[in-house]
Amino acid sequence: MRNKNAQVSVEYVIIVGFILFITIPLILIFYEHTSSTNDQVITSQVDMIAKKVVDSAESVYYLGEPSKTRIKVYMPTNIENVTIDNYEVVFKVKTKSGVTDISQPSSVNISGFISVTKGIHYISIESKGDYVWVST
């Protein structure tokens, strides 16, 4: 009778070990895929924000000096820095592979600052004559 109990225990340990052997790699693969997809979504969102800022800045600039507009954007997580200076908007985004620069060139002189905190922001874009001022 004791021998049967020992056999059942060994079989149980083998089954649990086999299940863990299969599920742990699946969990790791799922996590890896989810993480890379999240990075792609964030970089796409940031690229769209940069394009929106530059398009609005160019429109306001060509309309002339008292022109201004306000755009609503959702800032995702992992944005480390935003530089708006000399015909370019540059976002530094932290991804799994390191810090990535997302740059959008502008045909007009543009400067200012944008808050990098996560959430909804209203970005004010105002023509100052020979340049465009961008701020949150």
N, C-alpha and C. Protein backbone atom coordinates (compact mmCIF):
# COMPACT_ATOMS: atom_id res chain seq x y z
N MET A 1 0.82 -1.20 0.00
CA MET A 1 0.00 0.00 0.00
C MET A 1 0.86 1.26 0.00
N ARG A 2 1.97 1.25 0.77
CA ARG A 2 2.84 2.43 0.80
C ARG A 2 3.48 2.68 -0.55
N ASN A 3 3.78 1.64 -1.25
CA ASN A 3 4.42 1.77 -2.54
C ASN A 3 3.51 2.49 -3.54
N LYS A 4 2.19 2.22 -3.47
CA LYS A 4 1.24 2.89 -4.36
C LYS A 4 1.15 4.38 -4.05
N ASN A 5 1.14 4.75 -2.78
CA ASN A 5 1.10 6.17 -2.40
C ASN A 5 2.35 6.89 -2.89
N ALA A 6 3.49 6.25 -2.79
CA ALA A 6 4.73 6.87 -3.27
C ALA A 6 4.69 7.04 -4.77
N GLN A 7 4.13 6.07 -5.48
CA GLN A 7 4.05 6.16 -6.93
C GLN A 7 3.13 7.31 -7.34
N VAL A 8 2.00 7.46 -6.67
CA VAL A 8 1.07 8.55 -6.96
C VAL A 8 1.75 9.89 -6.70
N SER A 9 2.49 10.01 -5.63
CA SER A 9 3.19 11.26 -5.31
C SER A 9 4.22 11.60 -6.37
N VAL A 10 4.97 10.62 -6.82
CA VAL A 10 5.98 10.85 -7.85
C VAL A 10 5.31 11.26 -9.16
N GLU A 11 4.23 10.59 -9.52
CA GLU A 11 3.50 10.95 -10.74
C GLU A 11 2.94 12.37 -10.64
N TYR A 12 2.43 12.71 -9.49
CA TYR A 12 1.90 14.07 -9.27
C TYR A 12 3.01 15.11 -9.45
N VAL A 13 4.16 14.89 -8.88
CA VAL A 13 5.30 15.81 -9.00
C VAL A 13 5.74 15.92 -10.46
N ILE A 14 5.75 14.81 -11.18
CA ILE A 14 6.14 14.83 -12.60
C ILE A 14 5.13 15.65 -13.41
N ILE A 15 3.85 15.47 -13.16
CA ILE A 15 2.81 16.21 -13.89
C ILE A 15 2.92 17.71 -13.60
N VAL A 16 3.07 18.08 -12.34
CA VAL A 16 3.20 19.50 -11.97
C VAL A 16 4.46 20.08 -12.60
N GLY A 17 5.55 19.36 -12.58
CA GLY A 17 6.79 19.83 -13.20
C GLY A 17 6.63 20.03 -14.69
N PHE A 18 5.95 19.10 -15.37
CA PHE A 18 5.71 19.23 -16.81
C PHE A 18 4.85 20.45 -17.12
N ILE A 19 3.81 20.66 -16.32
CA ILE A 19 2.94 21.82 -16.53
C ILE A 19 3.73 23.12 -16.34
N LEU A 20 4.55 23.19 -15.32
CA LEU A 20 5.38 24.38 -15.12
C LEU A 20 6.38 24.56 -16.25
N PHE A 21 6.93 23.46 -16.74
CA PHE A 21 7.89 23.50 -17.84
C PHE A 21 7.25 24.09 -19.10
N ILE A 22 5.98 23.85 -19.30
CA ILE A 22 5.26 24.38 -20.47
C ILE A 22 4.77 25.81 -20.23
N THR A 23 4.21 26.11 -19.07
CA THR A 23 3.57 27.41 -18.85
C THR A 23 4.55 28.55 -18.62
N ILE A 24 5.67 28.32 -17.97
CA ILE A 24 6.61 29.43 -17.71
C ILE A 24 7.15 30.03 -19.01
N PRO A 25 7.60 29.24 -19.99
CA PRO A 25 8.03 29.86 -21.26
C PRO A 25 6.89 30.59 -21.97
N LEU A 26 5.68 30.05 -21.89
CA LEU A 26 4.55 30.74 -22.52
C LEU A 26 4.29 32.09 -21.88
N ILE A 27 4.39 32.16 -20.58
CA ILE A 27 4.21 33.43 -19.87
C ILE A 27 5.30 34.42 -20.27
N LEU A 28 6.53 33.96 -20.36
CA LEU A 28 7.64 34.84 -20.75
C LEU A 28 7.47 35.34 -22.18
N ILE A 29 7.05 34.48 -23.10
CA ILE A 29 6.81 34.89 -24.49
C ILE A 29 5.68 35.92 -24.54
N PHE A 30 4.62 35.69 -23.81
CA PHE A 30 3.50 36.63 -23.77
C PHE A 30 3.95 37.99 -23.24
N TYR A 31 4.71 38.00 -22.17
CA TYR A 31 5.20 39.25 -21.59
C TYR A 31 6.09 39.99 -22.59
N GLU A 32 6.98 39.29 -23.26
CA GLU A 32 7.88 39.90 -24.24
C GLU A 32 7.09 40.54 -25.38
N HIS A 33 6.11 39.82 -25.89
CA HIS A 33 5.29 40.33 -26.99
C HIS A 33 4.47 41.55 -26.55
N THR A 34 3.89 41.50 -25.38
CA THR A 34 3.10 42.61 -24.86
C THR A 34 3.96 43.85 -24.66
N SER A 35 5.15 43.67 -24.15
CA SER A 35 6.05 44.79 -23.90
C SER A 35 6.46 45.47 -25.20
N SER A 36 6.80 44.70 -26.23
CA SER A 36 7.20 45.32 -27.50
C SER A 36 6.02 45.99 -28.18
N THR A 37 4.83 45.42 -28.06
CA THR A 37 3.63 46.05 -28.63
C THR A 37 3.34 47.37 -27.92
N ASN A 38 3.51 47.42 -26.62
CA ASN A 38 3.30 48.64 -25.85
C ASN A 38 4.26 49.74 -26.31
N ASP A 39 5.53 49.40 -26.54
CA ASP A 39 6.51 50.37 -27.04
C ASP A 39 6.10 50.91 -28.41
N GLN A 40 5.60 50.05 -29.28
CA GLN A 40 5.17 50.48 -30.61
C GLN A 40 3.99 51.44 -30.52
N VAL A 41 3.05 51.16 -29.64
CA VAL A 41 1.88 52.03 -29.47
C VAL A 41 2.32 53.40 -28.96
N ILE A 42 3.20 53.43 -27.96
CA ILE A 42 3.66 54.70 -27.40
C ILE A 42 4.42 55.52 -28.44
N THR A 43 5.32 54.89 -29.19
CA THR A 43 6.07 55.65 -30.20
C THR A 43 5.15 56.16 -31.31
N SER A 44 4.14 55.40 -31.67
CA SER A 44 3.17 55.87 -32.67
C SER A 44 2.38 57.07 -32.14
N GLN A 45 1.95 57.00 -30.87
CA GLN A 45 1.22 58.13 -30.28
C GLN A 45 2.10 59.38 -30.25
N VAL A 46 3.34 59.23 -29.85
CA VAL A 46 4.25 60.38 -29.76
C VAL A 46 4.51 60.95 -31.15
N ASP A 47 4.67 60.11 -32.15
CA ASP A 47 4.88 60.59 -33.52
C ASP A 47 3.67 61.39 -34.00
N MET A 48 2.47 60.93 -33.67
CA MET A 48 1.26 61.67 -34.05
C MET A 48 1.18 63.01 -33.33
N ILE A 49 1.57 63.05 -32.06
CA ILE A 49 1.57 64.31 -31.31
C ILE A 49 2.55 65.29 -31.95
N ALA A 50 3.75 64.83 -32.28
CA ALA A 50 4.75 65.70 -32.89
C ALA A 50 4.26 66.26 -34.22
N LYS A 51 3.64 65.41 -35.04
CA LYS A 51 3.11 65.87 -36.33
C LYS A 51 1.99 66.89 -36.12
N LYS A 52 1.14 66.65 -35.14
CA LYS A 52 0.03 67.57 -34.85
C LYS A 52 0.55 68.93 -34.41
N VAL A 53 1.58 68.94 -33.56
CA VAL A 53 2.17 70.20 -33.09
C VAL A 53 2.78 70.96 -34.25
N VAL A 54 3.55 70.27 -35.09
CA VAL A 54 4.21 70.93 -36.22
C VAL A 54 3.18 71.44 -37.23
N ASP A 55 2.18 70.64 -37.56
CA ASP A 55 1.14 71.09 -38.50
C ASP A 55 0.41 72.32 -37.98
N SER A 56 0.07 72.31 -36.70
CA SER A 56 -0.62 73.47 -36.12
C SER A 56 0.29 74.69 -36.08
N ALA A 57 1.56 74.49 -35.76
CA ALA A 57 2.52 75.60 -35.72
C ALA A 57 2.69 76.23 -37.10
N GLU A 58 2.77 75.41 -38.12
CA GLU A 58 2.91 75.94 -39.48
C GLU A 58 1.66 76.71 -39.90
N SER A 59 0.49 76.20 -39.57
CA SER A 59 -0.76 76.90 -39.90
C SER A 59 -0.83 78.25 -39.21
N VAL A 60 -0.52 78.28 -37.92
CA VAL A 60 -0.58 79.52 -37.15
C VAL A 60 0.46 80.52 -37.67
N TYR A 61 1.64 80.06 -38.00
CA TYR A 61 2.70 80.94 -38.50
C TYR A 61 2.27 81.63 -39.79
N TYR A 62 1.71 80.86 -40.72
CA TYR A 62 1.33 81.44 -42.01
C TYR A 62 0.09 82.32 -41.91
N LEU A 63 -0.69 82.20 -40.85
CA LEU A 63 -1.82 83.10 -40.65
C LEU A 63 -1.38 84.46 -40.11
N GLY A 64 -0.22 84.53 -39.48
CA GLY A 64 0.29 85.81 -39.01
C GLY A 64 0.20 86.00 -37.51
N GLU A 65 0.72 87.18 -37.06
CA GLU A 65 0.96 87.37 -35.62
C GLU A 65 -0.24 87.32 -34.70
N PRO A 66 -1.28 87.74 -34.62
CA PRO A 66 -1.98 87.44 -33.37
C PRO A 66 -2.63 86.05 -33.36
N SER A 67 -2.36 85.26 -34.39
CA SER A 67 -3.01 83.95 -34.49
C SER A 67 -2.52 82.99 -33.41
N LYS A 68 -3.46 82.22 -32.90
CA LYS A 68 -3.11 81.17 -31.95
C LYS A 68 -4.17 80.08 -32.01
N THR A 69 -3.78 78.92 -31.55
CA THR A 69 -4.70 77.79 -31.50
C THR A 69 -4.33 76.93 -30.30
N ARG A 70 -5.21 76.02 -30.00
CA ARG A 70 -4.98 75.11 -28.87
C ARG A 70 -5.36 73.71 -29.33
N ILE A 71 -4.49 72.76 -29.07
CA ILE A 71 -4.79 71.38 -29.45
C ILE A 71 -4.82 70.51 -28.19
N LYS A 72 -5.64 69.49 -28.26
CA LYS A 72 -5.77 68.55 -27.13
C LYS A 72 -5.05 67.26 -27.51
N VAL A 73 -4.12 66.85 -26.64
CA VAL A 73 -3.37 65.62 -26.90
C VAL A 73 -3.32 64.77 -25.63
N TYR A 74 -3.14 63.48 -25.84
CA TYR A 74 -2.93 62.57 -24.71
C TYR A 74 -1.45 62.18 -24.70
N MET A 75 -0.76 62.57 -23.64
CA MET A 75 0.66 62.24 -23.50
C MET A 75 0.78 60.86 -22.85
N PRO A 76 1.39 59.90 -23.54
CA PRO A 76 1.56 58.57 -22.95
C PRO A 76 2.68 58.55 -21.92
N THR A 77 2.85 57.42 -21.28
CA THR A 77 3.94 57.25 -20.32
C THR A 77 5.27 57.14 -21.05
N ASN A 78 6.33 57.18 -20.29
CA ASN A 78 7.70 56.95 -20.77
C ASN A 78 8.27 58.06 -21.64
N ILE A 79 7.67 59.24 -21.65
CA ILE A 79 8.29 60.37 -22.35
C ILE A 79 9.25 61.02 -21.37
N GLU A 80 10.52 61.07 -21.73
CA GLU A 80 11.53 61.62 -20.84
C GLU A 80 11.72 63.12 -21.03
N ASN A 81 11.66 63.58 -22.28
CA ASN A 81 11.96 64.98 -22.55
C ASN A 81 11.34 65.39 -23.88
N VAL A 82 11.00 66.68 -23.98
CA VAL A 82 10.53 67.25 -25.25
C VAL A 82 11.35 68.50 -25.51
N THR A 83 11.94 68.58 -26.69
CA THR A 83 12.71 69.75 -27.09
C THR A 83 12.03 70.37 -28.30
N ILE A 84 11.67 71.64 -28.18
CA ILE A 84 11.06 72.37 -29.29
C ILE A 84 11.95 73.56 -29.57
N ASP A 85 12.72 73.47 -30.64
CA ASP A 85 13.69 74.53 -30.91
C ASP A 85 14.20 74.42 -32.35
N ASN A 86 14.36 75.58 -32.98
CA ASN A 86 15.01 75.67 -34.30
C ASN A 86 14.45 74.69 -35.34
N TYR A 87 13.22 74.87 -35.71
CA TYR A 87 12.62 74.13 -36.81
C TYR A 87 12.46 72.63 -36.55
N GLU A 88 12.34 72.25 -35.30
CA GLU A 88 12.23 70.82 -35.01
C GLU A 88 11.57 70.58 -33.65
N VAL A 89 10.78 69.51 -33.59
CA VAL A 89 10.21 69.03 -32.34
C VAL A 89 10.79 67.64 -32.11
N VAL A 90 11.43 67.44 -30.94
CA VAL A 90 12.07 66.16 -30.64
C VAL A 90 11.53 65.62 -29.31
N PHE A 91 10.99 64.42 -29.35
CA PHE A 91 10.55 63.71 -28.15
C PHE A 91 11.56 62.62 -27.84
N LYS A 92 11.96 62.52 -26.59
CA LYS A 92 12.81 61.41 -26.14
C LYS A 92 11.90 60.45 -25.37
N VAL A 93 11.78 59.24 -25.91
CA VAL A 93 10.86 58.24 -25.35
C VAL A 93 11.67 57.05 -24.86
N LYS A 94 11.37 56.63 -23.64
CA LYS A 94 12.04 55.47 -23.05
C LYS A 94 11.32 54.20 -23.50
N THR A 95 12.06 53.34 -24.19
CA THR A 95 11.52 52.06 -24.62
C THR A 95 12.33 50.93 -23.99
N LYS A 96 11.92 49.72 -24.28
CA LYS A 96 12.61 48.56 -23.72
C LYS A 96 14.05 48.48 -24.22
N SER A 97 14.29 48.96 -25.43
CA SER A 97 15.63 48.90 -26.01
C SER A 97 16.47 50.13 -25.70
N GLY A 98 15.95 51.07 -24.94
CA GLY A 98 16.69 52.29 -24.59
C GLY A 98 15.86 53.52 -24.90
N VAL A 99 16.53 54.67 -24.95
CA VAL A 99 15.85 55.93 -25.23
C VAL A 99 15.84 56.15 -26.74
N THR A 100 14.65 56.43 -27.28
CA THR A 100 14.46 56.65 -28.71
C THR A 100 14.09 58.10 -28.95
N ASP A 101 14.71 58.72 -29.96
CA ASP A 101 14.35 60.08 -30.36
C ASP A 101 13.31 60.01 -31.46
N ILE A 102 12.22 60.73 -31.27
CA ILE A 102 11.20 60.86 -32.30
C ILE A 102 11.18 62.32 -32.69
N SER A 103 11.56 62.58 -33.92
CA SER A 103 11.77 63.95 -34.39
C SER A 103 10.80 64.28 -35.50
N GLN A 104 10.34 65.52 -35.50
CA GLN A 104 9.46 66.00 -36.57
C GLN A 104 9.97 67.37 -37.01
N PRO A 105 10.47 67.49 -38.24
CA PRO A 105 10.96 68.79 -38.71
C PRO A 105 9.81 69.74 -39.03
N SER A 106 10.10 71.03 -38.94
CA SER A 106 9.11 72.06 -39.23
C SER A 106 9.68 73.02 -40.26
N SER A 107 8.81 73.58 -41.08
CA SER A 107 9.27 74.56 -42.06
C SER A 107 9.29 75.97 -41.48
N VAL A 108 8.88 76.11 -40.21
CA VAL A 108 8.89 77.42 -39.55
C VAL A 108 9.70 77.33 -38.27
N ASN A 109 10.22 78.48 -37.82
CA ASN A 109 10.97 78.52 -36.57
C ASN A 109 10.00 78.31 -35.42
N ILE A 110 10.29 77.34 -34.59
CA ILE A 110 9.37 76.96 -33.53
C ILE A 110 10.16 76.78 -32.24
N SER A 111 9.60 77.25 -31.13
CA SER A 111 10.25 77.05 -29.83
C SER A 111 9.18 76.98 -28.75
N GLY A 112 9.60 76.52 -27.57
CA GLY A 112 8.66 76.43 -26.46
C GLY A 112 8.91 75.20 -25.62
N PHE A 113 7.89 74.79 -24.87
CA PHE A 113 8.01 73.64 -23.99
C PHE A 113 6.67 72.93 -23.88
N ILE A 114 6.74 71.64 -23.64
CA ILE A 114 5.54 70.82 -23.43
C ILE A 114 5.80 69.96 -22.20
N SER A 115 4.82 69.88 -21.33
CA SER A 115 4.92 69.03 -20.14
C SER A 115 4.95 67.56 -20.56
N VAL A 116 5.78 66.77 -19.89
CA VAL A 116 5.91 65.36 -20.25
C VAL A 116 5.11 64.43 -19.34
N THR A 117 4.31 65.00 -18.45
CA THR A 117 3.53 64.14 -17.55
C THR A 117 2.43 63.42 -18.33
N LYS A 118 2.13 62.22 -17.89
CA LYS A 118 1.12 61.40 -18.54
C LYS A 118 -0.25 62.03 -18.39
N GLY A 119 -1.06 61.95 -19.44
CA GLY A 119 -2.43 62.41 -19.36
C GLY A 119 -2.80 63.36 -20.48
N ILE A 120 -3.99 63.92 -20.37
CA ILE A 120 -4.50 64.85 -21.38
C ILE A 120 -3.92 66.23 -21.14
N HIS A 121 -3.41 66.84 -22.20
CA HIS A 121 -2.84 68.19 -22.13
C HIS A 121 -3.44 69.04 -23.25
N TYR A 122 -3.57 70.31 -22.95
CA TYR A 122 -3.95 71.28 -23.96
C TYR A 122 -2.70 72.07 -24.30
N ILE A 123 -2.29 72.00 -25.56
CA ILE A 123 -1.07 72.67 -26.00
C ILE A 123 -1.46 73.94 -26.74
N SER A 124 -0.94 75.06 -26.26
CA SER A 124 -1.20 76.36 -26.86
C SER A 124 -0.12 76.65 -27.89
N ILE A 125 -0.53 77.04 -29.09
CA ILE A 125 0.40 77.33 -30.18
C ILE A 125 0.09 78.73 -30.68
N GLU A 126 1.08 79.63 -30.60
CA GLU A 126 0.85 81.05 -30.86
C GLU A 126 1.92 81.62 -31.78
N SER A 127 1.49 82.36 -32.80
CA SER A 127 2.42 83.02 -33.71
C SER A 127 2.96 84.28 -33.05
N LYS A 128 4.28 84.43 -33.09
CA LYS A 128 4.94 85.62 -32.54
C LYS A 128 5.62 86.43 -33.63
N GLY A 129 5.15 86.30 -34.85
CA GLY A 129 5.73 87.05 -35.96
C GLY A 129 6.75 86.23 -36.72
N ASP A 130 8.00 86.22 -36.22
CA ASP A 130 9.05 85.49 -36.92
C ASP A 130 9.27 84.08 -36.36
N TYR A 131 8.51 83.67 -35.36
CA TYR A 131 8.58 82.31 -34.83
C TYR A 131 7.24 81.94 -34.21
N VAL A 132 7.12 80.68 -33.83
CA VAL A 132 5.89 80.18 -33.19
C VAL A 132 6.25 79.68 -31.80
N TRP A 133 5.44 80.07 -30.80
CA TRP A 133 5.66 79.67 -29.42
C TRP A 133 4.68 78.55 -29.06
N VAL A 134 5.20 77.47 -28.51
CA VAL A 134 4.40 76.30 -28.13
C VAL A 134 4.54 76.10 -26.63
N SER A 135 3.40 75.93 -25.93
CA SER A 135 3.47 75.71 -24.48
C SER A 135 2.24 74.95 -24.00
N THR A 136 2.40 74.32 -22.81
CA THR A 136 1.27 73.64 -22.19
C THR A 136 0.77 74.46 -21.03
